[in-house]
């Protein structure tokens, strides 16, 4: 059994306050995260494979703005005992053009898809050696806090339903599992497909959008 990661081992920081080397260490070089590079909802074309590896790498580097704490950034980096170990993408929802155009998240919902007061958590990546130890729970909570601190009125996610004893490949689970968001205070607002749910956390009040940084 893998040893769960303890809260005192974890620190989470915006990617623009991390180094590019730390980000690339999380994504690795040999499996799904290293190929997609968190561009599924960003790239032009039908699927992210319509772009090249070099293009996706350049996009992620620009989006994270590593080393520039005054710039906007596209996600957070988690460290376990000081080692870069995880990533979560969180931005105002309009930052994801492919999400806006997908019919799935909007089934049963009628709202402004361009509302930048609504933020979205779209992707997790966990470095080999740290997977299956609960790191995504810390990342989901940090993503919600990050969005709230920057003026979001709500944050939502497009999670997968997992079942005991049924294996799910890492590539499919990059959106996060439903229970991860439940633990962070999200509630289910729609169930557009048999395995997908939209989870949402409303912060209330008259929040004003602020640049993500």
N, C-alpha and C. Protein backbone atom coordinates (compact mmCIF):
# COMPACT_ATOMS: atom_id res chain seq x y z
N UNK A 1 0.84 -1.20 0.00
CA UNK A 1 0.00 0.00 0.00
C UNK A 1 0.88 1.25 0.00
N UNK A 2 0.50 2.21 -0.84
CA UNK A 2 1.28 3.44 -0.91
C UNK A 2 1.03 4.31 0.31
N UNK A 3 2.08 4.97 0.77
CA UNK A 3 1.98 5.82 1.96
C UNK A 3 1.29 7.14 1.61
N UNK A 4 0.18 7.47 2.28
CA UNK A 4 -0.48 8.75 2.01
C UNK A 4 0.44 9.93 2.33
N UNK A 5 0.31 10.96 1.54
CA UNK A 5 1.07 12.18 1.78
C UNK A 5 0.40 12.97 2.89
N UNK A 6 1.17 13.44 3.85
CA UNK A 6 0.65 14.17 4.99
C UNK A 6 0.61 15.68 4.71
N UNK A 7 -0.35 16.39 5.30
CA UNK A 7 -0.46 17.83 5.05
C UNK A 7 0.83 18.60 5.28
N UNK A 8 1.57 18.24 6.33
CA UNK A 8 2.79 18.99 6.64
C UNK A 8 3.89 18.79 5.60
N UNK A 9 3.72 17.82 4.73
CA UNK A 9 4.71 17.59 3.67
C UNK A 9 4.47 18.46 2.44
N UNK A 10 3.30 19.08 2.34
CA UNK A 10 2.86 19.70 1.09
C UNK A 10 2.90 21.23 1.16
N UNK A 11 3.43 21.82 0.13
CA UNK A 11 3.26 23.25 -0.11
C UNK A 11 2.82 23.42 -1.56
N UNK A 12 1.96 24.40 -1.79
CA UNK A 12 1.45 24.65 -3.14
C UNK A 12 1.68 26.12 -3.47
N UNK A 13 2.17 26.38 -4.67
CA UNK A 13 2.49 27.74 -5.07
C UNK A 13 2.02 28.01 -6.50
N UNK A 14 1.64 29.24 -6.81
CA UNK A 14 1.31 29.55 -8.21
C UNK A 14 2.51 29.26 -9.12
N UNK A 15 2.22 28.79 -10.31
CA UNK A 15 3.31 28.38 -11.21
C UNK A 15 4.22 29.54 -11.59
N UNK A 16 3.71 30.77 -11.57
CA UNK A 16 4.57 31.90 -11.91
C UNK A 16 5.58 32.21 -10.81
N UNK A 17 5.44 31.55 -9.68
CA UNK A 17 6.42 31.68 -8.60
C UNK A 17 7.30 30.44 -8.49
N UNK A 18 7.08 29.51 -9.41
CA UNK A 18 7.90 28.31 -9.49
C UNK A 18 8.87 28.45 -10.66
N UNK A 19 9.73 27.47 -10.83
CA UNK A 19 10.64 27.48 -11.97
C UNK A 19 10.10 26.59 -13.07
N UNK A 20 10.53 26.86 -14.29
CA UNK A 20 10.13 26.02 -15.41
C UNK A 20 10.67 24.60 -15.23
N UNK A 21 11.83 24.45 -14.65
CA UNK A 21 12.38 23.12 -14.39
C UNK A 21 11.46 22.33 -13.46
N UNK A 22 10.88 23.00 -12.46
CA UNK A 22 9.97 22.31 -11.55
C UNK A 22 8.70 21.86 -12.28
N UNK A 23 8.18 22.72 -13.13
CA UNK A 23 6.97 22.36 -13.89
C UNK A 23 7.25 21.17 -14.80
N UNK A 24 8.34 21.20 -15.52
CA UNK A 24 8.65 20.09 -16.43
C UNK A 24 8.95 18.81 -15.66
N UNK A 25 9.47 18.92 -14.45
CA UNK A 25 9.69 17.72 -13.64
C UNK A 25 8.37 17.05 -13.29
N UNK A 26 7.36 17.85 -13.01
CA UNK A 26 6.04 17.28 -12.69
C UNK A 26 5.45 16.56 -13.90
N UNK A 27 5.52 17.19 -15.06
CA UNK A 27 4.90 16.60 -16.25
C UNK A 27 5.69 15.41 -16.79
N UNK A 28 6.97 15.35 -16.48
CA UNK A 28 7.76 14.21 -16.90
C UNK A 28 8.03 14.19 -18.39
N UNK A 29 8.44 13.01 -18.88
CA UNK A 29 8.83 12.92 -20.29
C UNK A 29 8.37 11.62 -20.95
N UNK A 30 7.54 10.82 -20.25
CA UNK A 30 7.30 9.49 -20.79
C UNK A 30 5.84 9.04 -20.83
N UNK A 31 4.90 9.83 -20.32
CA UNK A 31 3.53 9.33 -20.34
C UNK A 31 2.55 10.45 -20.69
N UNK A 32 1.27 10.23 -20.41
CA UNK A 32 0.23 11.13 -20.90
C UNK A 32 0.45 12.61 -20.55
N UNK A 33 0.71 12.96 -19.29
CA UNK A 33 0.88 14.39 -18.98
C UNK A 33 1.98 15.05 -19.81
N UNK A 34 3.05 14.32 -20.08
CA UNK A 34 4.17 14.90 -20.84
C UNK A 34 3.81 15.16 -22.29
N UNK A 35 2.79 14.48 -22.79
CA UNK A 35 2.39 14.67 -24.19
C UNK A 35 1.32 15.75 -24.33
N UNK A 36 0.31 15.72 -23.45
CA UNK A 36 -0.76 16.71 -23.53
C UNK A 36 -0.32 18.08 -23.03
N UNK A 37 0.46 18.08 -21.94
CA UNK A 37 0.98 19.31 -21.34
C UNK A 37 -0.14 20.30 -21.01
N UNK A 38 -1.27 19.74 -20.58
CA UNK A 38 -2.38 20.55 -20.11
C UNK A 38 -2.96 21.46 -21.20
N UNK A 39 -2.95 20.98 -22.44
CA UNK A 39 -3.43 21.79 -23.55
C UNK A 39 -4.73 21.28 -24.17
N UNK A 40 -5.34 20.28 -23.56
CA UNK A 40 -6.56 19.70 -24.14
C UNK A 40 -7.63 20.74 -24.41
N UNK A 41 -7.84 21.66 -23.49
CA UNK A 41 -8.89 22.66 -23.64
C UNK A 41 -8.38 23.98 -24.23
N UNK A 42 -7.12 23.97 -24.66
CA UNK A 42 -6.49 25.21 -25.14
C UNK A 42 -6.20 25.21 -26.63
N UNK A 43 -5.77 24.07 -27.17
CA UNK A 43 -5.26 24.05 -28.54
C UNK A 43 -6.38 24.23 -29.56
N UNK A 44 -6.00 24.76 -30.73
CA UNK A 44 -6.92 24.79 -31.85
C UNK A 44 -6.99 23.39 -32.46
N UNK A 45 -8.06 23.12 -33.19
CA UNK A 45 -8.19 21.80 -33.79
C UNK A 45 -9.09 20.91 -32.96
N UNK A 46 -9.36 19.73 -33.45
CA UNK A 46 -10.32 18.85 -32.81
C UNK A 46 -9.78 18.25 -31.52
N UNK A 47 -8.53 17.79 -31.54
CA UNK A 47 -7.92 17.22 -30.35
C UNK A 47 -6.53 17.81 -30.18
N UNK A 48 -5.95 17.63 -28.98
CA UNK A 48 -4.65 18.24 -28.73
C UNK A 48 -3.56 17.67 -29.61
N UNK A 49 -3.78 16.45 -30.12
CA UNK A 49 -2.76 15.86 -30.99
C UNK A 49 -2.65 16.57 -32.34
N UNK A 50 -3.57 17.48 -32.63
CA UNK A 50 -3.47 18.27 -33.86
C UNK A 50 -2.34 19.30 -33.77
N UNK A 51 -1.79 19.49 -32.59
CA UNK A 51 -0.64 20.37 -32.41
C UNK A 51 0.60 19.51 -32.24
N UNK A 52 1.76 20.15 -32.29
CA UNK A 52 3.02 19.41 -32.11
C UNK A 52 3.46 19.49 -30.66
N UNK A 53 4.35 18.59 -30.29
CA UNK A 53 4.91 18.60 -28.94
C UNK A 53 5.59 19.94 -28.66
N UNK A 54 6.31 20.45 -29.63
CA UNK A 54 7.02 21.72 -29.46
C UNK A 54 6.03 22.87 -29.24
N UNK A 55 4.92 22.84 -29.97
CA UNK A 55 3.92 23.89 -29.81
C UNK A 55 3.29 23.84 -28.41
N UNK A 56 2.96 22.64 -27.96
CA UNK A 56 2.34 22.51 -26.65
C UNK A 56 3.30 22.90 -25.53
N UNK A 57 4.55 22.56 -25.70
CA UNK A 57 5.55 22.96 -24.69
C UNK A 57 5.66 24.47 -24.62
N UNK A 58 5.71 25.12 -25.77
CA UNK A 58 5.80 26.58 -25.80
C UNK A 58 4.56 27.22 -25.20
N UNK A 59 3.40 26.63 -25.48
CA UNK A 59 2.15 27.17 -24.92
C UNK A 59 2.14 27.09 -23.41
N UNK A 60 2.52 25.92 -22.87
CA UNK A 60 2.53 25.77 -21.42
C UNK A 60 3.52 26.73 -20.77
N UNK A 61 4.67 26.88 -21.39
CA UNK A 61 5.66 27.77 -20.79
C UNK A 61 5.16 29.21 -20.75
N UNK A 62 4.49 29.63 -21.81
CA UNK A 62 3.94 30.99 -21.83
C UNK A 62 2.81 31.13 -20.81
N UNK A 63 1.96 30.13 -20.73
CA UNK A 63 0.79 30.19 -19.85
C UNK A 63 1.19 30.20 -18.37
N UNK A 64 2.20 29.44 -18.02
CA UNK A 64 2.60 29.38 -16.61
C UNK A 64 3.35 30.62 -16.16
N UNK A 65 4.07 31.27 -17.08
CA UNK A 65 4.85 32.47 -16.76
C UNK A 65 5.79 32.21 -15.59
N UNK A 66 6.44 31.06 -15.60
CA UNK A 66 7.34 30.70 -14.50
C UNK A 66 8.41 31.77 -14.28
N UNK A 67 8.64 32.11 -13.02
CA UNK A 67 9.66 33.08 -12.68
C UNK A 67 9.22 34.52 -12.79
N UNK A 68 7.95 34.76 -13.15
CA UNK A 68 7.45 36.13 -13.28
C UNK A 68 6.22 36.30 -12.37
N UNK A 69 6.42 36.59 -11.09
CA UNK A 69 5.31 36.63 -10.15
C UNK A 69 4.30 37.72 -10.41
N UNK A 70 4.61 38.68 -11.27
CA UNK A 70 3.66 39.75 -11.58
C UNK A 70 2.75 39.41 -12.76
N UNK A 71 3.02 38.30 -13.43
CA UNK A 71 2.23 37.90 -14.59
C UNK A 71 1.08 37.00 -14.20
N UNK A 72 0.12 36.86 -15.09
CA UNK A 72 -0.93 35.86 -14.90
C UNK A 72 -0.33 34.47 -15.05
N UNK A 73 -0.96 33.49 -14.44
CA UNK A 73 -0.47 32.12 -14.55
C UNK A 73 -1.65 31.18 -14.70
N UNK A 74 -1.37 29.98 -15.19
CA UNK A 74 -2.44 29.06 -15.55
C UNK A 74 -2.63 27.92 -14.55
N UNK A 75 -1.85 27.89 -13.48
CA UNK A 75 -2.02 26.79 -12.54
C UNK A 75 -1.11 26.88 -11.35
N UNK A 76 -1.13 25.81 -10.56
CA UNK A 76 -0.39 25.73 -9.31
C UNK A 76 0.52 24.51 -9.33
N UNK A 77 1.63 24.62 -8.61
CA UNK A 77 2.58 23.52 -8.48
C UNK A 77 2.62 23.09 -7.02
N UNK A 78 2.51 21.78 -6.80
CA UNK A 78 2.61 21.23 -5.45
C UNK A 78 3.99 20.64 -5.22
N UNK A 79 4.52 20.87 -4.04
CA UNK A 79 5.80 20.31 -3.62
C UNK A 79 5.56 19.37 -2.43
N UNK A 80 6.21 18.23 -2.46
CA UNK A 80 6.16 17.29 -1.35
C UNK A 80 7.57 17.17 -0.79
N UNK A 81 7.74 17.58 0.44
CA UNK A 81 9.07 17.61 1.07
C UNK A 81 10.06 18.38 0.20
N UNK A 82 9.57 19.47 -0.41
CA UNK A 82 10.42 20.33 -1.21
C UNK A 82 10.63 19.90 -2.65
N UNK A 83 10.10 18.73 -3.04
CA UNK A 83 10.29 18.24 -4.40
C UNK A 83 9.03 18.52 -5.23
N UNK A 84 9.18 19.05 -6.46
CA UNK A 84 8.00 19.28 -7.31
C UNK A 84 7.29 17.97 -7.60
N UNK A 85 5.99 17.92 -7.30
CA UNK A 85 5.29 16.64 -7.36
C UNK A 85 3.95 16.68 -8.07
N UNK A 86 3.30 17.85 -8.16
CA UNK A 86 1.98 17.88 -8.75
C UNK A 86 1.63 19.22 -9.38
N UNK A 87 0.62 19.20 -10.21
CA UNK A 87 0.15 20.38 -10.95
C UNK A 87 -1.37 20.35 -10.99
N UNK A 88 -1.98 21.52 -10.92
CA UNK A 88 -3.40 21.67 -11.21
C UNK A 88 -3.60 22.93 -12.03
N UNK A 89 -4.41 22.82 -13.07
CA UNK A 89 -4.74 23.97 -13.91
C UNK A 89 -6.00 24.64 -13.38
N UNK A 90 -5.95 25.95 -13.15
CA UNK A 90 -7.11 26.69 -12.68
C UNK A 90 -7.02 28.12 -13.19
N UNK A 91 -8.07 28.53 -13.91
CA UNK A 91 -8.13 29.86 -14.52
C UNK A 91 -9.59 30.26 -14.68
N UNK A 92 -9.85 31.53 -15.00
CA UNK A 92 -11.21 31.90 -15.37
C UNK A 92 -11.69 31.03 -16.54
N UNK A 93 -12.93 30.61 -16.48
CA UNK A 93 -13.45 29.64 -17.44
C UNK A 93 -13.26 30.05 -18.91
N UNK A 94 -13.38 31.33 -19.28
CA UNK A 94 -13.19 31.69 -20.68
C UNK A 94 -11.78 31.44 -21.21
N UNK A 95 -10.81 31.14 -20.33
CA UNK A 95 -9.45 30.86 -20.79
C UNK A 95 -9.35 29.52 -21.51
N UNK A 96 -10.44 28.73 -21.48
CA UNK A 96 -10.43 27.40 -22.10
C UNK A 96 -11.40 27.37 -23.28
N UNK A 97 -10.95 27.75 -24.48
CA UNK A 97 -11.86 27.82 -25.63
C UNK A 97 -12.49 26.49 -25.99
N UNK A 98 -11.77 25.39 -25.82
CA UNK A 98 -12.35 24.09 -26.16
C UNK A 98 -13.43 23.68 -25.15
N UNK A 99 -13.31 24.13 -23.93
CA UNK A 99 -14.34 23.88 -22.93
C UNK A 99 -15.61 24.63 -23.29
N UNK A 100 -15.45 25.86 -23.71
CA UNK A 100 -16.61 26.67 -24.10
C UNK A 100 -17.37 26.03 -25.24
N UNK A 101 -16.64 25.43 -26.18
CA UNK A 101 -17.28 24.87 -27.36
C UNK A 101 -17.78 23.46 -27.21
N UNK A 102 -17.39 22.78 -26.13
CA UNK A 102 -17.83 21.40 -25.93
C UNK A 102 -19.27 21.37 -25.44
N UNK A 103 -20.13 20.48 -25.99
CA UNK A 103 -21.51 20.42 -25.51
C UNK A 103 -21.67 19.77 -24.15
N UNK A 104 -20.73 18.92 -23.77
CA UNK A 104 -20.93 18.08 -22.57
C UNK A 104 -21.10 18.89 -21.29
N UNK A 105 -20.19 19.84 -20.97
CA UNK A 105 -20.33 20.52 -19.67
C UNK A 105 -21.60 21.36 -19.54
N UNK A 106 -22.27 21.64 -20.66
CA UNK A 106 -23.39 22.57 -20.64
C UNK A 106 -24.74 21.89 -20.69
N UNK A 107 -24.77 20.57 -20.77
CA UNK A 107 -26.05 19.86 -20.81
C UNK A 107 -26.83 20.12 -19.53
N UNK A 108 -28.06 20.60 -19.72
CA UNK A 108 -28.91 20.88 -18.57
C UNK A 108 -28.60 22.19 -17.88
N UNK A 109 -27.72 22.99 -18.47
CA UNK A 109 -27.36 24.27 -17.86
C UNK A 109 -27.55 25.40 -18.87
N UNK A 110 -28.02 26.51 -18.40
CA UNK A 110 -28.21 27.68 -19.25
C UNK A 110 -27.55 28.87 -18.55
N UNK A 111 -26.32 29.18 -18.96
CA UNK A 111 -25.60 30.28 -18.34
C UNK A 111 -24.60 30.86 -19.33
N UNK A 112 -24.04 31.97 -18.98
CA UNK A 112 -23.08 32.67 -19.83
C UNK A 112 -21.75 31.92 -19.80
N UNK A 113 -21.38 31.32 -20.91
CA UNK A 113 -20.14 30.56 -20.97
C UNK A 113 -18.91 31.46 -20.88
N UNK A 114 -19.08 32.75 -21.13
CA UNK A 114 -17.96 33.69 -21.10
C UNK A 114 -17.87 34.46 -19.79
N UNK A 115 -18.58 34.03 -18.78
CA UNK A 115 -18.55 34.70 -17.47
C UNK A 115 -17.20 34.47 -16.81
N UNK A 116 -16.37 35.51 -16.75
CA UNK A 116 -15.03 35.33 -16.20
C UNK A 116 -14.99 35.36 -14.68
N UNK A 117 -16.16 35.50 -14.04
CA UNK A 117 -16.22 35.33 -12.59
C UNK A 117 -16.28 33.86 -12.21
N UNK A 118 -16.55 33.00 -13.18
CA UNK A 118 -16.54 31.56 -12.94
C UNK A 118 -15.19 31.01 -13.39
N UNK A 119 -14.48 30.39 -12.48
CA UNK A 119 -13.20 29.78 -12.79
C UNK A 119 -13.39 28.28 -12.99
N UNK A 120 -12.40 27.64 -13.58
CA UNK A 120 -12.50 26.21 -13.86
C UNK A 120 -11.20 25.50 -13.50
N UNK A 121 -11.35 24.32 -12.90
CA UNK A 121 -10.24 23.41 -12.64
C UNK A 121 -10.33 22.32 -13.72
N UNK A 122 -9.35 22.26 -14.59
CA UNK A 122 -9.49 21.38 -15.76
C UNK A 122 -8.50 20.23 -15.82
N UNK A 123 -7.42 20.27 -15.07
CA UNK A 123 -6.39 19.26 -15.28
C UNK A 123 -5.51 19.09 -14.04
N UNK A 124 -5.22 17.83 -13.73
CA UNK A 124 -4.23 17.50 -12.73
C UNK A 124 -3.10 16.72 -13.39
N UNK A 125 -1.91 16.90 -12.90
CA UNK A 125 -0.78 16.05 -13.29
C UNK A 125 0.01 15.75 -12.02
N UNK A 126 0.30 14.49 -11.79
CA UNK A 126 1.07 14.08 -10.62
C UNK A 126 2.28 13.29 -11.09
N UNK A 127 3.41 13.68 -10.57
CA UNK A 127 4.67 13.07 -10.96
C UNK A 127 4.75 11.61 -10.52
N UNK A 128 5.37 10.79 -11.33
CA UNK A 128 5.56 9.40 -10.95
C UNK A 128 6.27 9.32 -9.60
N UNK A 129 5.82 8.39 -8.80
CA UNK A 129 6.35 8.25 -7.44
C UNK A 129 5.47 8.90 -6.40
N UNK A 130 4.58 9.81 -6.86
CA UNK A 130 3.67 10.50 -5.95
C UNK A 130 2.21 10.16 -6.23
N UNK A 131 1.95 9.38 -7.25
CA UNK A 131 0.58 9.06 -7.64
C UNK A 131 -0.04 8.07 -6.67
N UNK A 132 -1.37 8.17 -6.52
CA UNK A 132 -2.08 7.26 -5.64
C UNK A 132 -1.86 7.51 -4.16
N UNK A 133 -1.37 8.70 -3.82
CA UNK A 133 -1.06 9.01 -2.43
C UNK A 133 -1.86 10.21 -1.90
N UNK A 134 -2.86 10.65 -2.68
CA UNK A 134 -3.76 11.69 -2.20
C UNK A 134 -3.36 13.10 -2.53
N UNK A 135 -2.39 13.30 -3.39
CA UNK A 135 -1.93 14.66 -3.67
C UNK A 135 -2.99 15.50 -4.37
N UNK A 136 -3.85 14.89 -5.18
CA UNK A 136 -4.86 15.68 -5.88
C UNK A 136 -5.85 16.33 -4.92
N UNK A 137 -6.03 15.75 -3.73
CA UNK A 137 -6.91 16.38 -2.74
C UNK A 137 -6.35 17.73 -2.30
N UNK A 138 -5.06 17.78 -2.07
CA UNK A 138 -4.41 19.04 -1.70
C UNK A 138 -4.48 20.04 -2.85
N UNK A 139 -4.29 19.56 -4.05
CA UNK A 139 -4.30 20.45 -5.21
C UNK A 139 -5.69 21.03 -5.47
N UNK A 140 -6.73 20.22 -5.31
CA UNK A 140 -8.09 20.72 -5.53
C UNK A 140 -8.44 21.80 -4.52
N UNK A 141 -8.08 21.59 -3.27
CA UNK A 141 -8.35 22.60 -2.25
C UNK A 141 -7.57 23.88 -2.53
N UNK A 142 -6.32 23.73 -2.94
CA UNK A 142 -5.49 24.91 -3.24
C UNK A 142 -6.05 25.66 -4.44
N UNK A 143 -6.55 24.93 -5.44
CA UNK A 143 -7.12 25.58 -6.63
C UNK A 143 -8.35 26.39 -6.26
N UNK A 144 -9.21 25.85 -5.41
CA UNK A 144 -10.39 26.58 -4.96
C UNK A 144 -9.99 27.84 -4.20
N UNK A 145 -9.03 27.72 -3.30
CA UNK A 145 -8.56 28.87 -2.54
C UNK A 145 -7.95 29.93 -3.47
N UNK A 146 -7.18 29.49 -4.45
CA UNK A 146 -6.54 30.40 -5.39
C UNK A 146 -7.58 31.20 -6.16
N UNK A 147 -8.62 30.51 -6.64
CA UNK A 147 -9.68 31.20 -7.38
C UNK A 147 -10.42 32.20 -6.50
N UNK A 148 -10.76 31.79 -5.29
CA UNK A 148 -11.48 32.68 -4.38
C UNK A 148 -10.66 33.92 -4.04
N UNK A 149 -9.38 33.72 -3.76
CA UNK A 149 -8.52 34.84 -3.39
C UNK A 149 -8.37 35.85 -4.52
N UNK A 150 -8.59 35.41 -5.75
CA UNK A 150 -8.45 36.30 -6.90
C UNK A 150 -9.77 36.80 -7.44
N UNK A 151 -10.81 36.70 -6.61
CA UNK A 151 -12.07 37.35 -6.93
C UNK A 151 -13.10 36.51 -7.65
N UNK A 152 -12.88 35.21 -7.78
CA UNK A 152 -13.86 34.37 -8.45
C UNK A 152 -15.17 34.34 -7.66
N UNK A 153 -16.29 34.29 -8.39
CA UNK A 153 -17.58 34.10 -7.75
C UNK A 153 -17.89 32.64 -7.54
N UNK A 154 -17.26 31.80 -8.37
CA UNK A 154 -17.46 30.36 -8.28
C UNK A 154 -16.32 29.67 -9.01
N UNK A 155 -16.12 28.40 -8.68
CA UNK A 155 -15.14 27.60 -9.40
C UNK A 155 -15.78 26.24 -9.67
N UNK A 156 -15.56 25.70 -10.84
CA UNK A 156 -16.16 24.42 -11.16
C UNK A 156 -15.15 23.47 -11.79
N UNK A 157 -15.53 22.19 -11.84
CA UNK A 157 -14.66 21.15 -12.37
C UNK A 157 -15.53 20.12 -13.09
N UNK A 158 -14.88 19.29 -13.91
CA UNK A 158 -15.60 18.38 -14.80
C UNK A 158 -15.07 16.98 -14.53
N UNK A 159 -15.49 16.46 -13.39
CA UNK A 159 -14.84 15.31 -12.78
C UNK A 159 -15.35 13.98 -13.32
N UNK A 160 -14.56 12.95 -13.05
CA UNK A 160 -14.92 11.59 -13.42
C UNK A 160 -15.41 10.83 -12.19
N UNK A 161 -16.41 9.99 -12.40
CA UNK A 161 -16.89 9.10 -11.36
C UNK A 161 -16.01 7.85 -11.35
N UNK A 162 -15.46 7.54 -10.21
CA UNK A 162 -14.65 6.33 -10.08
C UNK A 162 -15.41 5.30 -9.24
N UNK A 163 -15.14 4.03 -9.50
CA UNK A 163 -15.81 2.96 -8.79
C UNK A 163 -14.78 2.04 -8.16
N UNK A 164 -15.02 1.59 -6.93
CA UNK A 164 -14.07 0.69 -6.26
C UNK A 164 -13.79 -0.56 -7.11
N UNK A 165 -12.53 -0.87 -7.25
CA UNK A 165 -12.13 -2.06 -7.97
C UNK A 165 -12.07 -1.92 -9.47
N UNK A 166 -12.49 -0.77 -9.98
CA UNK A 166 -12.47 -0.55 -11.43
C UNK A 166 -11.35 0.41 -11.77
N UNK A 167 -10.40 -0.05 -12.54
CA UNK A 167 -9.22 0.74 -12.86
C UNK A 167 -9.54 1.79 -13.93
N UNK A 168 -9.01 2.97 -13.74
CA UNK A 168 -9.15 4.05 -14.71
C UNK A 168 -7.76 4.51 -15.09
N UNK A 169 -7.50 4.62 -16.37
CA UNK A 169 -6.17 5.02 -16.81
C UNK A 169 -5.90 6.45 -16.37
N UNK A 170 -4.60 6.77 -16.19
CA UNK A 170 -4.23 8.12 -15.75
C UNK A 170 -4.72 9.17 -16.73
N UNK A 171 -4.66 8.86 -18.03
CA UNK A 171 -5.08 9.85 -19.02
C UNK A 171 -6.53 10.26 -18.85
N UNK A 172 -7.40 9.31 -18.53
CA UNK A 172 -8.81 9.62 -18.35
C UNK A 172 -9.05 10.42 -17.08
N UNK A 173 -8.25 10.19 -16.07
CA UNK A 173 -8.50 10.78 -14.76
C UNK A 173 -7.83 12.14 -14.57
N UNK A 174 -7.29 12.70 -15.64
CA UNK A 174 -6.60 13.99 -15.49
C UNK A 174 -7.55 15.10 -15.05
N UNK A 175 -8.87 14.93 -15.28
CA UNK A 175 -9.83 15.95 -14.86
C UNK A 175 -10.12 15.90 -13.38
N UNK A 176 -9.71 14.82 -12.70
CA UNK A 176 -9.97 14.67 -11.28
C UNK A 176 -11.17 13.79 -11.00
N UNK A 177 -11.17 13.17 -9.85
CA UNK A 177 -12.27 12.30 -9.43
C UNK A 177 -13.29 13.09 -8.62
N UNK A 178 -14.54 12.65 -8.70
CA UNK A 178 -15.62 13.38 -8.01
C UNK A 178 -15.34 13.54 -6.52
N UNK A 179 -14.84 12.50 -5.87
CA UNK A 179 -14.64 12.58 -4.42
C UNK A 179 -13.56 13.58 -4.03
N UNK A 180 -12.63 13.83 -4.94
CA UNK A 180 -11.59 14.83 -4.67
C UNK A 180 -12.21 16.21 -4.51
N UNK A 181 -13.17 16.52 -5.39
CA UNK A 181 -13.81 17.83 -5.32
C UNK A 181 -14.84 17.90 -4.19
N UNK A 182 -15.50 16.79 -3.91
CA UNK A 182 -16.41 16.77 -2.77
C UNK A 182 -15.67 17.12 -1.49
N UNK A 183 -14.47 16.57 -1.34
CA UNK A 183 -13.67 16.83 -0.15
C UNK A 183 -13.30 18.31 -0.04
N UNK A 184 -13.17 18.98 -1.18
CA UNK A 184 -12.81 20.40 -1.19
C UNK A 184 -14.03 21.31 -1.10
N UNK A 185 -15.22 20.74 -0.93
CA UNK A 185 -16.42 21.55 -0.73
C UNK A 185 -17.27 21.76 -1.96
N UNK A 186 -16.89 21.17 -3.08
CA UNK A 186 -17.69 21.28 -4.30
C UNK A 186 -18.94 20.40 -4.18
N UNK A 187 -20.00 20.78 -4.89
CA UNK A 187 -21.19 19.96 -4.97
C UNK A 187 -21.52 19.69 -6.44
N UNK A 188 -22.18 18.59 -6.68
CA UNK A 188 -22.53 18.22 -8.06
C UNK A 188 -23.69 19.06 -8.54
N UNK A 189 -23.53 19.67 -9.73
CA UNK A 189 -24.61 20.49 -10.29
C UNK A 189 -25.22 19.88 -11.54
N UNK A 190 -24.52 18.96 -12.18
CA UNK A 190 -25.10 18.25 -13.32
C UNK A 190 -24.34 16.96 -13.54
N UNK A 191 -24.98 16.06 -14.30
CA UNK A 191 -24.42 14.73 -14.57
C UNK A 191 -24.58 14.47 -16.07
N UNK A 192 -23.75 15.14 -16.91
CA UNK A 192 -24.00 15.14 -18.34
C UNK A 192 -23.75 13.81 -19.04
N UNK A 193 -22.89 12.95 -18.51
CA UNK A 193 -22.65 11.64 -19.11
C UNK A 193 -22.59 10.60 -17.98
N UNK A 194 -22.65 9.31 -18.30
CA UNK A 194 -22.63 8.31 -17.24
C UNK A 194 -21.42 8.39 -16.32
N UNK A 195 -20.28 8.85 -16.84
CA UNK A 195 -19.06 8.87 -16.02
C UNK A 195 -18.58 10.26 -15.66
N UNK A 196 -19.26 11.29 -16.14
CA UNK A 196 -18.80 12.66 -15.89
C UNK A 196 -19.83 13.46 -15.12
N UNK A 197 -19.33 14.29 -14.22
CA UNK A 197 -20.20 15.20 -13.47
C UNK A 197 -19.56 16.58 -13.46
N UNK A 198 -20.40 17.60 -13.36
CA UNK A 198 -19.90 18.96 -13.16
C UNK A 198 -20.01 19.27 -11.67
N UNK A 199 -18.88 19.59 -11.07
CA UNK A 199 -18.82 19.92 -9.65
C UNK A 199 -18.57 21.43 -9.52
N UNK A 200 -19.21 22.05 -8.54
CA UNK A 200 -19.10 23.51 -8.45
C UNK A 200 -19.06 23.95 -6.99
N UNK A 201 -18.29 25.01 -6.78
CA UNK A 201 -18.20 25.64 -5.47
C UNK A 201 -18.49 27.12 -5.65
N UNK A 202 -19.60 27.59 -5.10
CA UNK A 202 -19.97 29.01 -5.19
C UNK A 202 -19.48 29.72 -3.94
N UNK A 203 -18.84 30.86 -4.16
CA UNK A 203 -18.27 31.62 -3.05
C UNK A 203 -19.24 32.65 -2.50
N UNK A 204 -20.25 33.03 -3.27
CA UNK A 204 -21.24 33.99 -2.80
C UNK A 204 -20.71 35.41 -2.82
N UNK A 205 -21.58 36.34 -2.50
CA UNK A 205 -21.18 37.74 -2.48
C UNK A 205 -21.09 38.31 -3.87
N UNK A 206 -20.69 39.57 -3.94
CA UNK A 206 -20.55 40.26 -5.22
C UNK A 206 -19.08 40.30 -5.59
N UNK A 207 -18.56 39.13 -5.97
CA UNK A 207 -17.14 39.04 -6.31
C UNK A 207 -16.85 39.82 -7.57
N UNK A 208 -15.69 40.40 -7.63
CA UNK A 208 -15.23 41.13 -8.80
C UNK A 208 -14.04 40.41 -9.40
N UNK A 209 -14.07 40.21 -10.71
CA UNK A 209 -12.99 39.48 -11.36
C UNK A 209 -11.67 40.22 -11.20
N UNK A 210 -10.62 39.48 -10.98
CA UNK A 210 -9.28 40.06 -10.86
C UNK A 210 -8.33 39.25 -11.72
N UNK A 211 -7.29 39.84 -12.25
CA UNK A 211 -6.36 39.08 -13.08
C UNK A 211 -5.73 37.95 -12.29
N UNK A 212 -5.70 36.73 -12.87
CA UNK A 212 -5.05 35.63 -12.16
C UNK A 212 -3.55 35.86 -12.09
N UNK A 213 -2.97 35.68 -10.92
CA UNK A 213 -1.54 35.91 -10.79
C UNK A 213 -0.92 35.03 -9.74
